[in-house]
Amino acid sequence: MPTLARFGIVAILSLSINAFADAPASAPPSTPVRTILERHDQTGVPGKEALLGTAVLPGGTAIPFHTHPGDEFGYVLKGPLVLKTKGQPDRILKTGDTFFNARGVVHSLAAPDGEGGTALSTWIVDKGEPLATPVTN
């Protein structure tokens, strides 16, 4: 490849890298984001399905009180998080902690001010029902 062509490619790449570096970073979400990673019918159990998903909570945010139409098993990928369960004391969850929410139990998950946190959950729920139902009081 001629030297002039190489110089041109290097110049274009350099300008592209500088333009990318100067671009504003996208703002982090200001509300929790739940992402379903997998969803499958539960083998041998008609009407039930298993879901695997994450909840990413920016610092100072919470997933409001809600219930699930089945059981939830959770693992904290990044903490701290605060599990609030109606009728029980708040539970501080650190990275590596696990939690369980039984069918119909009213609960909320919050991230204290700071870096926020992430939980990984598996739900075994009634198929066709909403994963979460908000609870207002």
C-alpha atoms as a PDB file:
ATOM      1  CA  MET A   1       0.000   0.000   0.000  1.00  0.00           C
ATOM      2  CA  PRO A   2       1.467   3.386  -0.941  1.00  0.00           C
ATOM      3  CA  THR A   3       2.645   5.590   1.910  1.00  0.00           C
ATOM      4  CA  LEU A   4       0.152   8.343   1.070  1.00  0.00           C
ATOM      5  CA  ALA A   5      -2.778   5.892   1.297  1.00  0.00           C
ATOM      6  CA  ARG A   6      -1.545   4.610   4.685  1.00  0.00           C
ATOM      7  CA  PHE A   7      -1.235   8.174   5.932  1.00  0.00           C
ATOM      8  CA  GLY A   8      -4.795   8.900   4.793  1.00  0.00           C
ATOM      9  CA  ILE A   9      -6.191   5.836   6.604  1.00  0.00           C
ATOM     10  CA  VAL A  10      -4.316   6.702   9.788  1.00  0.00           C
ATOM     11  CA  ALA A  11      -5.569  10.304   9.601  1.00  0.00           C
ATOM     12  CA  ILE A  12      -9.192   9.202   9.120  1.00  0.00           C
ATOM     13  CA  LEU A  13      -8.953   6.724  12.019  1.00  0.00           C
ATOM     14  CA  SER A  14      -7.391   9.375  14.259  1.00  0.00           C
ATOM     15  CA  LEU A  15     -10.134  11.872  13.480  1.00  0.00           C
ATOM     16  CA  SER A  16     -12.806   9.209  14.053  1.00  0.00           C
ATOM     17  CA  ILE A  17     -11.337   8.204  17.408  1.00  0.00           C
ATOM     18  CA  ASN A  18     -11.107  11.857  18.516  1.00  0.00           C
ATOM     19  CA  ALA A  19     -14.713  12.528  17.441  1.00  0.00           C
ATOM     20  CA  PHE A  20     -15.883   9.452  19.350  1.00  0.00           C
ATOM     21  CA  ALA A  21     -13.908  10.481  22.445  1.00  0.00           C
ATOM     22  CA  ASP A  22     -15.489  13.957  22.348  1.00  0.00           C
ATOM     23  CA  ALA A  23     -19.039  12.620  22.004  1.00  0.00           C
ATOM     24  CA  PRO A  24     -21.066  13.000  25.214  1.00  0.00           C
ATOM     25  CA  ALA A  25     -21.531   9.763  27.099  1.00  0.00           C
ATOM     26  CA  SER A  26     -25.119   8.601  27.205  1.00  0.00           C
ATOM     27  CA  ALA A  27     -26.688   9.433  30.509  1.00  0.00           C
ATOM     28  CA  PRO A  28     -27.271   6.500  32.843  1.00  0.00           C
ATOM     29  CA  PRO A  29     -30.897   5.543  33.312  1.00  0.00           C
ATOM     30  CA  SER A  30     -32.689   7.480  36.040  1.00  0.00           C
ATOM     31  CA  THR A  31     -35.111   4.660  36.801  1.00  0.00           C
ATOM     32  CA  PRO A  32     -34.645   0.933  37.418  1.00  0.00           C
ATOM     33  CA  VAL A  33     -34.548  -1.272  34.341  1.00  0.00           C
ATOM     34  CA  ARG A  34     -35.764  -4.875  34.421  1.00  0.00           C
ATOM     35  CA  THR A  35     -34.561  -7.090  31.550  1.00  0.00           C
ATOM     36  CA  ILE A  36     -35.859 -10.604  30.890  1.00  0.00           C
ATOM     37  CA  LEU A  37     -32.987 -12.780  29.656  1.00  0.00           C
ATOM     38  CA  GLU A  38     -34.780 -16.147  29.299  1.00  0.00           C
ATOM     39  CA  ARG A  39     -38.372 -17.377  29.406  1.00  0.00           C
ATOM     40  CA  HIS A  40     -39.383 -21.063  29.197  1.00  0.00           C
ATOM     41  CA  ASP A  41     -42.374 -23.249  29.996  1.00  0.00           C
ATOM     42  CA  GLN A  42     -41.703 -25.223  33.162  1.00  0.00           C
ATOM     43  CA  THR A  43     -41.212 -28.833  32.143  1.00  0.00           C
ATOM     44  CA  GLY A  44     -43.985 -31.136  33.336  1.00  0.00           C
ATOM     45  CA  VAL A  45     -45.912 -28.365  35.066  1.00  0.00           C
ATOM     46  CA  PRO A  46     -48.720 -27.090  32.832  1.00  0.00           C
ATOM     47  CA  GLY A  47     -49.511 -23.401  33.202  1.00  0.00           C
ATOM     48  CA  LYS A  48     -46.159 -22.476  34.768  1.00  0.00           C
ATOM     49  CA  GLU A  49     -43.131 -20.770  33.278  1.00  0.00           C
ATOM     50  CA  ALA A  50     -39.630 -19.923  34.474  1.00  0.00           C
ATOM     51  CA  LEU A  51     -38.013 -16.568  33.765  1.00  0.00           C
ATOM     52  CA  LEU A  52     -34.486 -15.317  34.313  1.00  0.00           C
ATOM     53  CA  GLY A  53     -33.827 -11.599  34.415  1.00  0.00           C
ATOM     54  CA  THR A  54     -31.910  -8.693  35.824  1.00  0.00           C
ATOM     55  CA  ALA A  55     -32.904  -5.526  37.606  1.00  0.00           C
ATOM     56  CA  VAL A  56     -30.452  -2.624  37.321  1.00  0.00           C
ATOM     57  CA  LEU A  57     -31.149   0.132  39.838  1.00  0.00           C
ATOM     58  CA  PRO A  58     -29.313   3.463  39.616  1.00  0.00           C
ATOM     59  CA  GLY A  59     -28.388   4.966  42.976  1.00  0.00           C
ATOM     60  CA  GLY A  60     -31.318   6.582  44.763  1.00  0.00           C
ATOM     61  CA  THR A  61     -33.992   4.648  42.837  1.00  0.00           C
ATOM     62  CA  ALA A  62     -36.394   1.831  43.680  1.00  0.00           C
ATOM     63  CA  ILE A  63     -38.692  -0.674  42.057  1.00  0.00           C
ATOM     64  CA  PRO A  64     -42.017   0.244  43.700  1.00  0.00           C
ATOM     65  CA  PHE A  65     -43.934  -2.210  45.871  1.00  0.00           C
ATOM     66  CA  HIS A  66     -45.332  -5.095  43.824  1.00  0.00           C
ATOM     67  CA  THR A  67     -46.177  -8.810  43.867  1.00  0.00           C
ATOM     68  CA  HIS A  68     -45.434 -11.730  41.538  1.00  0.00           C
ATOM     69  CA  PRO A  69     -47.787 -14.556  40.460  1.00  0.00           C
ATOM     70  CA  GLY A  70     -45.237 -17.078  41.744  1.00  0.00           C
ATOM     71  CA  ASP A  71     -41.923 -17.364  43.553  1.00  0.00           C
ATOM     72  CA  GLU A  72     -38.788 -15.262  42.999  1.00  0.00           C
ATOM     73  CA  PHE A  73     -35.229 -16.358  43.795  1.00  0.00           C
ATOM     74  CA  GLY A  74     -32.634 -13.579  43.601  1.00  0.00           C
ATOM     75  CA  TYR A  75     -28.885 -13.012  43.708  1.00  0.00           C
ATOM     76  CA  VAL A  76     -27.190  -9.623  44.123  1.00  0.00           C
ATOM     77  CA  LEU A  77     -24.605  -9.102  41.392  1.00  0.00           C
ATOM     78  CA  LYS A  78     -23.775  -5.599  42.649  1.00  0.00           C
ATOM     79  CA  GLY A  79     -24.858  -4.067  45.907  1.00  0.00           C
ATOM     80  CA  PRO A  80     -25.841  -2.696  48.182  1.00  0.00           C
ATOM     81  CA  LEU A  81     -29.564  -3.039  47.599  1.00  0.00           C
ATOM     82  CA  VAL A  82     -32.401  -2.793  50.117  1.00  0.00           C
ATOM     83  CA  LEU A  83     -35.170  -5.406  50.045  1.00  0.00           C
ATOM     84  CA  LYS A  84     -38.326  -3.969  51.590  1.00  0.00           C
ATOM     85  CA  THR A  85     -40.967  -6.573  52.423  1.00  0.00           C
ATOM     86  CA  LYS A  86     -44.337  -5.532  53.910  1.00  0.00           C
ATOM     87  CA  GLY A  87     -44.501  -6.571  57.565  1.00  0.00           C
ATOM     88  CA  GLN A  88     -40.751  -7.238  57.870  1.00  0.00           C
ATOM     89  CA  PRO A  89     -37.706  -5.114  58.632  1.00  0.00           C
ATOM     90  CA  ASP A  90     -35.758  -3.817  55.629  1.00  0.00           C
ATOM     91  CA  ARG A  91     -32.935  -6.130  54.587  1.00  0.00           C
ATOM     92  CA  ILE A  92     -29.626  -4.724  53.317  1.00  0.00           C
ATOM     93  CA  LEU A  93     -28.301  -6.956  50.528  1.00  0.00           C
ATOM     94  CA  LYS A  94     -24.605  -6.903  49.644  1.00  0.00           C
ATOM     95  CA  THR A  95     -22.923  -8.264  46.522  1.00  0.00           C
ATOM     96  CA  GLY A  96     -23.208 -12.065  46.661  1.00  0.00           C
ATOM     97  CA  ASP A  97     -26.289 -12.153  48.912  1.00  0.00           C
ATOM     98  CA  THR A  98     -29.408 -14.081  47.930  1.00  0.00           C
ATOM     99  CA  PHE A  99     -33.088 -13.399  48.563  1.00  0.00           C
ATOM    100  CA  PHE A 100     -36.477 -15.068  48.136  1.00  0.00           C
ATOM    101  CA  ASN A 101     -39.935 -13.588  47.630  1.00  0.00           C
ATOM    102  CA  ALA A 102     -42.851 -15.997  47.910  1.00  0.00           C
ATOM    103  CA  ARG A 103     -45.909 -15.771  45.666  1.00  0.00           C
ATOM    104  CA  GLY A 104     -48.031 -12.724  46.470  1.00  0.00           C
ATOM    105  CA  VAL A 105     -45.632 -11.191  49.015  1.00  0.00           C
ATOM    106  CA  VAL A 106     -45.593  -7.388  48.701  1.00  0.00           C
ATOM    107  CA  HIS A 107     -42.020  -6.194  48.274  1.00  0.00           C
ATOM    108  CA  SER A 108     -39.793  -3.496  46.788  1.00  0.00           C
ATOM    109  CA  LEU A 109     -36.110  -3.323  45.879  1.00  0.00           C
ATOM    110  CA  ALA A 110     -34.150  -0.090  46.308  1.00  0.00           C
ATOM    111  CA  ALA A 111     -30.643   1.177  45.660  1.00  0.00           C
ATOM    112  CA  PRO A 112     -29.330   3.663  48.201  1.00  0.00           C
ATOM    113  CA  ASP A 113     -27.735   6.861  46.904  1.00  0.00           C
ATOM    114  CA  GLY A 114     -24.415   6.072  45.263  1.00  0.00           C
ATOM    115  CA  GLU A 115     -23.452   3.746  42.444  1.00  0.00           C
ATOM    116  CA  GLY A 116     -26.635   1.683  42.452  1.00  0.00           C
ATOM    117  CA  GLY A 117     -26.922  -2.069  42.186  1.00  0.00           C
ATOM    118  CA  THR A 118     -27.938  -5.061  40.113  1.00  0.00           C
ATOM    119  CA  ALA A 119     -29.899  -8.190  40.978  1.00  0.00           C
ATOM    120  CA  LEU A 120     -30.348 -11.399  39.000  1.00  0.00           C
ATOM    121  CA  SER A 121     -33.682 -13.157  39.582  1.00  0.00           C
ATOM    122  CA  THR A 122     -35.410 -16.363  38.585  1.00  0.00           C
ATOM    123  CA  TRP A 123     -39.203 -16.398  38.744  1.00  0.00           C
ATOM    124  CA  ILE A 124     -41.421 -19.487  38.630  1.00  0.00           C
ATOM    125  CA  VAL A 125     -44.806 -17.976  37.804  1.00  0.00           C
ATOM    126  CA  ASP A 126     -48.250 -18.586  36.355  1.00  0.00           C
ATOM    127  CA  LYS A 127     -47.953 -18.483  32.566  1.00  0.00           C
ATOM    128  CA  GLY A 128     -49.785 -15.616  30.870  1.00  0.00           C
ATOM    129  CA  GLU A 129     -49.886 -13.441  33.994  1.00  0.00           C
ATOM    130  CA  PRO A 130     -47.976 -10.151  34.274  1.00  0.00           C
ATOM    131  CA  LEU A 131     -44.588 -10.726  35.910  1.00  0.00           C
ATOM    132  CA  ALA A 132     -45.240  -7.964  38.454  1.00  0.00           C
ATOM    133  CA  THR A 133     -48.397  -6.310  39.712  1.00  0.00           C
ATOM    134  CA  PRO A 134     -47.978  -2.890  41.368  1.00  0.00           C
ATOM    135  CA  VAL A 135     -49.275  -2.432  44.913  1.00  0.00           C
ATOM    136  CA  THR A 136     -50.259   1.101  45.846  1.00  0.00           C
ATOM    137  CA  ASN A 137     -50.533   0.916  49.621  1.00  0.00           C
END
